[in-house]
Amino acid sequence: MYMEFIFKELDQDKSGKISASEIRNIFASNNISTNKDVDKIIKECDKNNDGEIDYKEFMEAMGLVKK
């Protein structure tokens, strides 16, 4: 339940996926990260290579679902 809430908060446009621009916005508002860091996060989490992180990929990245 908590992870779903967090995912929905990160998914600012409510598309059902977290995009690189959404991650950049969140990081920028907290004065952290660089574009290189965001690219690394997307690359590591985006298993279907669509450029975004869906809920299953998010849960896998959090270690809550087996890959």
C-alpha atoms as a PDB file:
ATOM      1  CA  MET A   1       0.000   0.000   0.000  1.00  0.00           C
ATOM      2  CA  TYR A   2       2.745   2.466   0.939  1.00  0.00           C
ATOM      3  CA  MET A   3       4.774   1.644  -2.151  1.00  0.00           C
ATOM      4  CA  GLU A   4       1.764   2.251  -4.376  1.00  0.00           C
ATOM      5  CA  PHE A   5       1.316   5.673  -2.746  1.00  0.00           C
ATOM      6  CA  ILE A   6       4.991   6.515  -3.300  1.00  0.00           C
ATOM      7  CA  PHE A   7       4.823   5.360  -6.918  1.00  0.00           C
ATOM      8  CA  LYS A   8       1.743   7.498  -7.555  1.00  0.00           C
ATOM      9  CA  GLU A   9       3.454  10.523  -6.007  1.00  0.00           C
ATOM     10  CA  LEU A  10       6.471  10.041  -8.270  1.00  0.00           C
ATOM     11  CA  ASP A  11       4.192   9.583 -11.297  1.00  0.00           C
ATOM     12  CA  GLN A  12       3.338  13.271 -11.499  1.00  0.00           C
ATOM     13  CA  ASP A  13       1.384  13.098 -14.779  1.00  0.00           C
ATOM     14  CA  LYS A  14      -0.549  10.003 -13.618  1.00  0.00           C
ATOM     15  CA  SER A  15       0.446   8.049 -16.743  1.00  0.00           C
ATOM     16  CA  GLY A  16       1.118   4.865 -14.789  1.00  0.00           C
ATOM     17  CA  LYS A  17       4.851   5.218 -15.405  1.00  0.00           C
ATOM     18  CA  ILE A  18       7.650   7.316 -13.964  1.00  0.00           C
ATOM     19  CA  SER A  19       9.545   9.188 -16.660  1.00  0.00           C
ATOM     20  CA  ALA A  20      13.052  10.601 -16.575  1.00  0.00           C
ATOM     21  CA  SER A  21      11.612  14.117 -16.566  1.00  0.00           C
ATOM     22  CA  GLU A  22       9.486  13.309 -13.504  1.00  0.00           C
ATOM     23  CA  ILE A  23      12.565  12.027 -11.690  1.00  0.00           C
ATOM     24  CA  ARG A  24      14.517  15.130 -12.757  1.00  0.00           C
ATOM     25  CA  ASN A  25      11.722  17.385 -11.433  1.00  0.00           C
ATOM     26  CA  ILE A  26      11.668  15.625  -8.075  1.00  0.00           C
ATOM     27  CA  PHE A  27      15.450  15.670  -7.751  1.00  0.00           C
ATOM     28  CA  ALA A  28      15.688  19.320  -8.824  1.00  0.00           C
ATOM     29  CA  SER A  29      13.099  20.363  -6.264  1.00  0.00           C
ATOM     30  CA  ASN A  30      15.270  18.729  -3.614  1.00  0.00           C
ATOM     31  CA  ASN A  31      18.580  20.036  -4.991  1.00  0.00           C
ATOM     32  CA  ILE A  32      19.964  16.571  -5.695  1.00  0.00           C
ATOM     33  CA  SER A  33      21.258  14.614  -8.653  1.00  0.00           C
ATOM     34  CA  THR A  34      22.366  15.334 -12.164  1.00  0.00           C
ATOM     35  CA  ASN A  35      21.047  14.219 -15.530  1.00  0.00           C
ATOM     36  CA  LYS A  36      23.694  11.501 -15.485  1.00  0.00           C
ATOM     37  CA  ASP A  37      22.259  10.146 -12.216  1.00  0.00           C
ATOM     38  CA  VAL A  38      18.724  10.139 -13.616  1.00  0.00           C
ATOM     39  CA  ASP A  39      19.863   8.359 -16.774  1.00  0.00           C
ATOM     40  CA  LYS A  40      21.540   5.727 -14.596  1.00  0.00           C
ATOM     41  CA  ILE A  41      18.355   5.214 -12.542  1.00  0.00           C
ATOM     42  CA  ILE A  42      16.243   4.777 -15.673  1.00  0.00           C
ATOM     43  CA  LYS A  43      18.773   2.399 -17.241  1.00  0.00           C
ATOM     44  CA  GLU A  44      18.958   0.226 -14.116  1.00  0.00           C
ATOM     45  CA  CYS A  45      15.200   0.099 -13.459  1.00  0.00           C
ATOM     46  CA  ASP A  46      13.693   0.119 -16.963  1.00  0.00           C
ATOM     47  CA  LYS A  47      13.701  -3.584 -17.814  1.00  0.00           C
ATOM     48  CA  ASN A  48      11.481  -3.335 -20.922  1.00  0.00           C
ATOM     49  CA  ASN A  49      13.537  -0.439 -22.340  1.00  0.00           C
ATOM     50  CA  ASP A  50      10.618   1.917 -22.966  1.00  0.00           C
ATOM     51  CA  GLY A  51      12.373   4.829 -21.259  1.00  0.00           C
ATOM     52  CA  GLU A  52      10.060   4.851 -18.236  1.00  0.00           C
ATOM     53  CA  ILE A  53       9.627   2.923 -14.992  1.00  0.00           C
ATOM     54  CA  ASP A  54       6.306   1.123 -14.587  1.00  0.00           C
ATOM     55  CA  TYR A  55       4.964  -0.122 -11.261  1.00  0.00           C
ATOM     56  CA  LYS A  56       6.387  -3.637 -11.646  1.00  0.00           C
ATOM     57  CA  GLU A  57       9.832  -2.253 -12.495  1.00  0.00           C
ATOM     58  CA  PHE A  58       9.561   0.127  -9.532  1.00  0.00           C
ATOM     59  CA  MET A  59       8.708  -2.725  -7.173  1.00  0.00           C
ATOM     60  CA  GLU A  60      11.591  -4.807  -8.571  1.00  0.00           C
ATOM     61  CA  ALA A  61      13.974  -1.882  -8.049  1.00  0.00           C
ATOM     62  CA  MET A  62      12.794  -1.596  -4.449  1.00  0.00           C
ATOM     63  CA  GLY A  63      13.547  -5.302  -3.974  1.00  0.00           C
ATOM     64  CA  LEU A  64       9.923  -6.170  -3.243  1.00  0.00           C
ATOM     65  CA  VAL A  65       9.264  -8.339  -6.296  1.00  0.00           C
ATOM     66  CA  LYS A  66      11.585 -10.927  -7.764  1.00  0.00           C
ATOM     67  CA  LYS A  67      13.094 -10.032 -11.111  1.00  0.00           C
END
